[in-house]
Amino acid sequence: MMRILCLSDLAWGAKERGNSGTGRVTGASFLGLAENIGPDVVIFAGDSAYDRCSRSTPDETDLFVNLLDRLVSAGIHCVVVEGNNDDSRGTYGRVRDAAEASPYLHEISAKTETVRGIRFLGVPTGAERRMAGSVREPVDVVVAHAPTANRTWLFDLPAACIVTGHYGMLVDEIAGKVYIALDCSPSSYAVVDWKQGWRRIEYVAGACRIEMNREGGGSSVSGTGCDIAGFRRLKRGEGSLPYHEEIAALRRAKSEAATLGRREVFERLLAMGIAKTHIERYLGRRAG
């Protein structure tokens, strides 16, 4: 059984949630988390070298590279994809240089790499549509940093699991894939136990923990530390339509547009409560 720790949008320098003192997020925050969980692989799903969640004054890219060095020195493989903010200060090249120097560090933006027997595909911000149209070989885990409006393309990729950063926390089984969306680690993270597919997922959002287990041909879900509204939000999303229904409707509409017409399909999706930007990013602009 392989254990994967999933992180994104590292909140360098921000106050640690659940910490009643003045504790701030540092490399020790993530190293302590890794020590407690014992992962074989750590995924960083974007905005780790610089992020909107951060409140840090030191060079965050140095903080991230130092964290990677500590993890790989402990024999832990790290899988990294570039987020939209990562190179805001022109420093992300240091992450790529570190990856070239270590067999334990894998910068996989826009490419596929097998790590500990698990096949990963990296989808950086803005490459969702292009990669959905070009990737044909099946992979195990997609690691992305996709804005919500771009994420429908991720479900067109031949993968068993999607892990994305950026914002919009959610965990569910959608379109035959397990979907994990994270925001501002270390308060938000996920642990995936993997053996020829996912077997158990622990999803953490502050005090709320959701556990998904695959049992035989089905799966079970339970939550602890969550109020009813919080649990519902993490399982269905924040839109008026449950997220799994939105994804199903958008993917179905792609084929329906050829027979029903783009305008009719567009109007029906809007009436369902799906955001116009989500429709346009996946289907293009409405005709007429």
Protein backbone atom coordinates (compact mmCIF):
# COMPACT_ATOMS: atom_id res chain seq x y z
CA MET A 1 0.00 0.00 0.00
CA MET A 2 1.37 3.40 -1.03
CA ARG A 3 0.48 6.52 0.93
CA ILE A 4 0.18 9.87 -0.85
CA LEU A 5 -0.03 13.21 0.98
CA CYS A 6 -1.71 15.92 -1.15
CA LEU A 7 -1.01 19.62 -0.54
CA SER A 8 -1.53 22.84 -2.48
CA ASP A 9 -1.40 26.65 -2.14
CA LEU A 10 1.11 26.63 0.69
CA ALA A 11 0.16 29.28 3.23
CA TRP A 12 3.71 30.37 4.11
CA GLY A 13 3.72 32.74 7.06
CA ALA A 14 -0.03 32.64 7.62
CA LYS A 15 -1.35 31.90 11.11
CA GLU A 16 -1.82 28.18 11.56
CA ARG A 17 -5.52 27.41 11.90
CA GLY A 18 -6.32 25.67 15.13
CA ASN A 19 -3.26 27.23 16.77
CA SER A 20 -4.36 29.42 19.69
CA GLY A 21 -0.94 31.04 19.97
CA THR A 22 1.05 33.01 17.42
CA GLY A 23 2.24 30.01 15.42
CA ARG A 24 2.85 30.66 11.75
CA VAL A 25 3.14 28.26 8.83
CA THR A 26 6.77 27.31 8.24
CA GLY A 27 8.60 24.35 6.77
CA ALA A 28 8.26 22.68 10.17
CA SER A 29 4.46 22.77 9.75
CA PHE A 30 4.67 20.55 6.68
CA LEU A 31 7.50 18.38 7.98
CA GLY A 32 5.49 17.68 11.14
CA LEU A 33 2.47 16.76 9.03
CA ALA A 34 4.58 14.42 6.90
CA GLU A 35 6.11 12.84 10.00
CA ASN A 36 2.65 12.12 11.42
CA ILE A 37 1.25 10.71 8.17
CA GLY A 38 4.28 8.83 6.86
CA PRO A 39 3.78 9.33 3.11
CA ASP A 40 5.71 7.59 0.35
CA VAL A 41 4.87 10.46 -2.02
CA VAL A 42 3.93 14.10 -1.38
CA ILE A 43 1.96 15.94 -4.09
CA PHE A 44 2.21 19.73 -4.34
CA ALA A 45 -0.68 20.80 -6.56
CA GLY A 46 0.52 24.29 -7.41
CA ASP A 47 1.24 27.67 -5.80
CA SER A 48 3.79 26.18 -3.42
CA ALA A 49 6.68 28.54 -4.23
CA TYR A 50 4.44 31.63 -4.04
CA ASP A 51 0.75 31.90 -3.26
CA ARG A 52 -2.15 34.20 -2.40
CA CYS A 53 -2.60 32.29 0.88
CA SER A 54 0.84 33.40 2.05
CA ARG A 55 1.71 36.10 4.54
CA SER A 56 5.46 35.56 4.38
CA THR A 57 8.20 38.14 4.01
CA PRO A 58 11.17 35.83 3.32
CA ASP A 59 11.69 34.37 -0.13
CA GLU A 60 8.95 31.75 -0.32
CA THR A 61 10.65 29.89 -3.16
CA ASP A 62 13.66 29.32 -0.91
CA LEU A 63 11.31 28.10 1.83
CA PHE A 64 9.71 25.66 -0.61
CA VAL A 65 13.00 24.39 -2.06
CA ASN A 66 14.31 23.88 1.48
CA LEU A 67 11.15 21.92 2.36
CA LEU A 68 11.58 19.75 -0.73
CA ASP A 69 15.21 19.12 0.21
CA ARG A 70 14.20 17.98 3.70
CA LEU A 71 11.52 15.66 2.34
CA VAL A 72 13.66 14.04 -0.35
CA SER A 73 16.52 13.69 2.14
CA ALA A 74 14.14 11.54 4.18
CA GLY A 75 13.53 9.32 1.13
CA ILE A 76 10.11 10.79 0.31
CA HIS A 77 9.28 11.38 -3.36
CA CYS A 78 7.78 14.80 -4.16
CA VAL A 79 5.58 15.48 -7.19
CA VAL A 80 5.19 19.16 -8.09
CA VAL A 81 3.08 21.04 -10.65
CA GLU A 82 3.34 24.78 -11.34
CA GLY A 83 0.44 27.01 -10.29
CA ASN A 84 -0.64 30.37 -11.66
CA ASN A 85 1.22 32.34 -8.94
CA ASP A 86 4.35 30.21 -8.61
CA ASP A 87 6.53 32.22 -10.98
CA SER A 88 5.10 35.64 -10.07
CA ARG A 89 8.56 36.74 -8.95
CA GLY A 90 10.50 34.84 -11.61
CA THR A 91 11.89 32.37 -9.09
CA TYR A 92 10.20 29.08 -10.05
CA GLY A 93 13.23 28.04 -12.07
CA ARG A 94 14.87 27.13 -8.76
CA VAL A 95 12.24 24.40 -8.30
CA ARG A 96 12.94 23.00 -11.77
CA ASP A 97 16.68 23.10 -11.10
CA ALA A 98 16.19 21.21 -7.83
CA ALA A 99 14.11 18.58 -9.65
CA GLU A 100 16.86 18.03 -12.22
CA ALA A 101 19.33 17.44 -9.38
CA SER A 102 17.31 14.86 -7.42
CA PRO A 103 15.76 11.53 -8.48
CA TYR A 104 13.24 11.97 -5.64
CA LEU A 105 11.89 15.29 -6.88
CA HIS A 106 9.56 15.31 -9.90
CA GLU A 107 8.43 18.58 -11.52
CA ILE A 108 5.74 17.24 -13.87
CA SER A 109 4.10 20.34 -15.36
CA ALA A 110 2.68 19.35 -18.78
CA LYS A 111 4.22 15.88 -18.69
CA THR A 112 3.76 12.35 -17.38
CA GLU A 113 6.05 10.57 -14.95
CA THR A 114 5.86 7.28 -13.05
CA VAL A 115 6.75 7.57 -9.36
CA ARG A 116 6.80 4.52 -7.09
CA GLY A 117 4.71 2.64 -9.65
CA ILE A 118 2.03 5.35 -9.87
CA ARG A 119 1.65 7.19 -13.18
CA PHE A 120 1.20 10.96 -12.64
CA LEU A 121 0.19 13.61 -15.17
CA GLY A 122 0.86 17.28 -14.39
CA VAL A 123 -1.60 19.90 -15.69
CA PRO A 124 -0.46 23.47 -14.99
CA THR A 125 -2.86 26.41 -14.99
CA GLY A 126 -4.20 27.18 -18.46
CA ALA A 127 -3.22 23.84 -20.03
CA GLU A 128 -6.43 21.99 -19.10
CA ARG A 129 -8.17 22.12 -22.48
CA ARG A 130 -5.04 21.46 -24.55
CA MET A 131 -4.02 18.44 -22.47
CA ALA A 132 -7.55 17.02 -22.38
CA GLY A 133 -7.43 17.00 -26.18
CA SER A 134 -3.96 15.51 -26.51
CA VAL A 135 -3.43 12.97 -23.70
CA ARG A 136 -4.55 9.48 -24.72
CA GLU A 137 -2.50 7.12 -22.56
CA PRO A 138 -4.20 6.31 -19.22
CA VAL A 139 -2.64 7.68 -16.03
CA ASP A 140 -3.36 7.03 -12.38
CA VAL A 141 -3.35 10.54 -10.92
CA VAL A 142 -3.80 13.95 -12.54
CA VAL A 143 -2.12 16.71 -10.53
CA ALA A 144 -3.47 20.11 -11.61
CA HIS A 145 -3.75 23.72 -10.53
CA ALA A 146 -6.98 24.58 -12.31
CA PRO A 147 -9.42 27.45 -11.76
CA THR A 148 -12.92 26.13 -11.16
CA ALA A 149 -14.13 27.27 -14.59
CA ASN A 150 -11.43 25.15 -16.27
CA ARG A 151 -11.87 21.95 -14.29
CA THR A 152 -14.46 20.22 -16.48
CA TRP A 153 -11.61 19.47 -18.92
CA LEU A 154 -9.84 17.45 -16.21
CA PHE A 155 -12.68 14.92 -16.23
CA ASP A 156 -12.02 14.25 -19.93
CA LEU A 157 -8.53 12.98 -19.10
CA PRO A 158 -8.05 9.18 -18.87
CA ALA A 159 -7.27 9.08 -15.14
CA ALA A 160 -8.51 7.39 -11.99
CA CYS A 161 -7.89 10.31 -9.63
CA ILE A 162 -7.79 14.11 -9.94
CA VAL A 163 -5.99 16.30 -7.40
CA THR A 164 -6.21 20.04 -8.02
CA GLY A 165 -5.20 23.14 -6.15
CA HIS A 166 -6.28 26.78 -6.53
CA TYR A 167 -9.47 27.03 -4.45
CA GLY A 168 -12.89 25.45 -3.91
CA MET A 169 -12.45 22.62 -1.41
CA LEU A 170 -14.31 19.43 -2.33
CA VAL A 171 -13.91 15.64 -2.29
CA ASP A 172 -16.20 13.25 -4.17
CA GLU A 173 -16.43 10.56 -6.82
CA ILE A 174 -17.31 12.30 -10.07
CA ALA A 175 -17.52 10.90 -13.61
CA GLY A 176 -15.90 7.66 -12.52
CA LYS A 177 -12.93 9.42 -10.89
CA VAL A 178 -12.11 10.39 -7.34
CA TYR A 179 -11.85 14.18 -7.23
CA ILE A 180 -9.87 16.09 -4.59
CA ALA A 181 -9.79 19.91 -4.62
CA LEU A 182 -7.59 21.64 -2.05
CA ASP A 183 -7.02 25.17 -0.78
CA CYS A 184 -4.37 26.71 1.49
CA SER A 185 -2.36 23.89 3.03
CA PRO A 186 -1.54 22.79 5.69
CA SER A 187 -5.06 23.48 7.01
CA SER A 188 -6.41 21.74 3.90
CA TYR A 189 -4.84 18.46 2.80
CA ALA A 190 -5.69 14.91 1.78
CA VAL A 191 -4.14 11.50 2.34
CA VAL A 192 -4.69 8.81 -0.29
CA ASP A 193 -3.91 5.16 0.39
CA TRP A 194 -3.22 3.58 -3.00
CA LYS A 195 -2.98 -0.03 -4.10
CA GLN A 196 -3.81 -0.52 -7.77
CA GLY A 197 -6.21 2.39 -7.30
CA TRP A 198 -7.36 4.38 -4.29
CA ARG A 199 -8.43 2.41 -1.25
CA ARG A 200 -8.90 5.09 1.41
CA ILE A 201 -8.97 8.88 1.38
CA GLU A 202 -8.80 11.15 4.40
CA TYR A 203 -9.72 14.70 3.45
CA VAL A 204 -9.04 17.46 5.97
CA ALA A 205 -10.43 21.00 5.93
CA GLY A 206 -9.71 22.65 9.25
CA ALA A 207 -11.49 20.70 11.97
CA CYS A 208 -13.57 18.74 9.45
CA ARG A 209 -12.36 15.30 8.36
CA ILE A 210 -14.05 13.25 5.65
CA GLU A 211 -13.08 9.62 5.15
CA MET A 212 -13.86 7.67 1.99
CA ASN A 213 -13.26 3.92 1.81
CA ARG A 214 -13.49 1.64 -1.20
CA GLU A 215 -15.11 -1.63 -0.24
CA GLY A 216 -15.65 -4.32 -2.87
CA GLY A 217 -17.49 -2.73 -5.75
CA GLY A 218 -18.63 0.34 -3.82
CA SER A 219 -17.44 2.96 -1.37
CA SER A 220 -18.47 4.46 1.95
CA VAL A 221 -18.19 8.02 3.28
CA SER A 222 -18.12 9.35 6.85
CA GLY A 223 -17.26 12.65 8.49
CA THR A 224 -16.01 13.83 11.88
CA GLY A 225 -15.71 17.36 13.24
CA CYS A 226 -17.99 18.72 10.51
CA ASP A 227 -21.27 20.51 10.95
CA ILE A 228 -24.01 19.50 8.52
CA ALA A 229 -23.51 22.53 6.29
CA GLY A 230 -19.73 22.08 6.18
CA PHE A 231 -19.96 18.42 5.31
CA ARG A 232 -22.51 19.15 2.59
CA ARG A 233 -20.35 21.93 1.12
CA LEU A 234 -17.23 19.73 0.97
CA LYS A 235 -19.17 16.91 -0.72
CA ARG A 236 -21.35 18.84 -3.19
CA GLY A 237 -19.59 22.18 -3.72
CA GLU A 238 -20.80 25.73 -3.19
CA GLY A 239 -22.85 26.20 -6.36
CA SER A 240 -26.63 25.99 -6.59
CA LEU A 241 -26.19 22.67 -8.42
CA PRO A 242 -24.19 19.80 -6.86
CA TYR A 243 -20.79 19.73 -8.52
CA HIS A 244 -21.10 16.16 -9.78
CA GLU A 245 -24.35 17.12 -11.51
CA GLU A 246 -22.71 20.19 -13.09
CA ILE A 247 -19.87 18.11 -14.49
CA ALA A 248 -22.27 15.48 -15.84
CA ALA A 249 -24.46 18.14 -17.47
CA LEU A 250 -21.53 19.95 -19.11
CA ARG A 251 -19.94 16.77 -20.47
CA ARG A 252 -23.31 15.55 -21.78
CA ALA A 253 -23.97 18.95 -23.39
CA LYS A 254 -20.86 18.65 -25.55
CA SER A 255 -22.48 15.87 -27.60
CA GLU A 256 -26.02 17.28 -27.34
CA ALA A 257 -24.97 20.57 -28.93
CA ALA A 258 -24.53 18.82 -32.29
CA THR A 259 -28.20 17.78 -32.40
CA LEU A 260 -30.03 20.32 -30.24
CA GLY A 261 -27.99 23.36 -31.19
CA ARG A 262 -25.53 25.31 -29.09
CA ARG A 263 -27.95 28.07 -28.15
CA GLU A 264 -30.58 25.71 -26.74
CA VAL A 265 -28.00 23.70 -24.82
CA PHE A 266 -26.40 26.89 -23.47
CA GLU A 267 -29.75 28.26 -22.25
CA ARG A 268 -30.64 24.98 -20.56
CA LEU A 269 -27.32 24.88 -18.69
CA LEU A 270 -27.81 28.46 -17.51
CA ALA A 271 -31.30 27.56 -16.28
CA MET A 272 -29.78 24.72 -14.24
CA GLY A 273 -27.70 27.28 -12.35
CA ILE A 274 -24.33 26.58 -14.00
CA ALA A 275 -22.12 29.67 -14.19
CA LYS A 276 -21.77 31.25 -17.62
CA THR A 277 -17.96 31.22 -17.36
CA HIS A 278 -17.99 27.47 -16.67
CA ILE A 279 -20.14 26.84 -19.74
CA GLU A 280 -18.09 29.09 -22.03
CA ARG A 281 -14.74 27.64 -20.94
CA TYR A 282 -15.91 24.12 -21.81
CA LEU A 283 -18.30 24.62 -24.74
CA GLY A 284 -17.27 27.98 -26.13
CA ARG A 285 -19.49 31.02 -26.45
CA ARG A 286 -23.20 30.76 -27.12
CA ALA A 287 -24.24 30.99 -30.77
CA GLY A 288 -26.68 33.66 -31.86
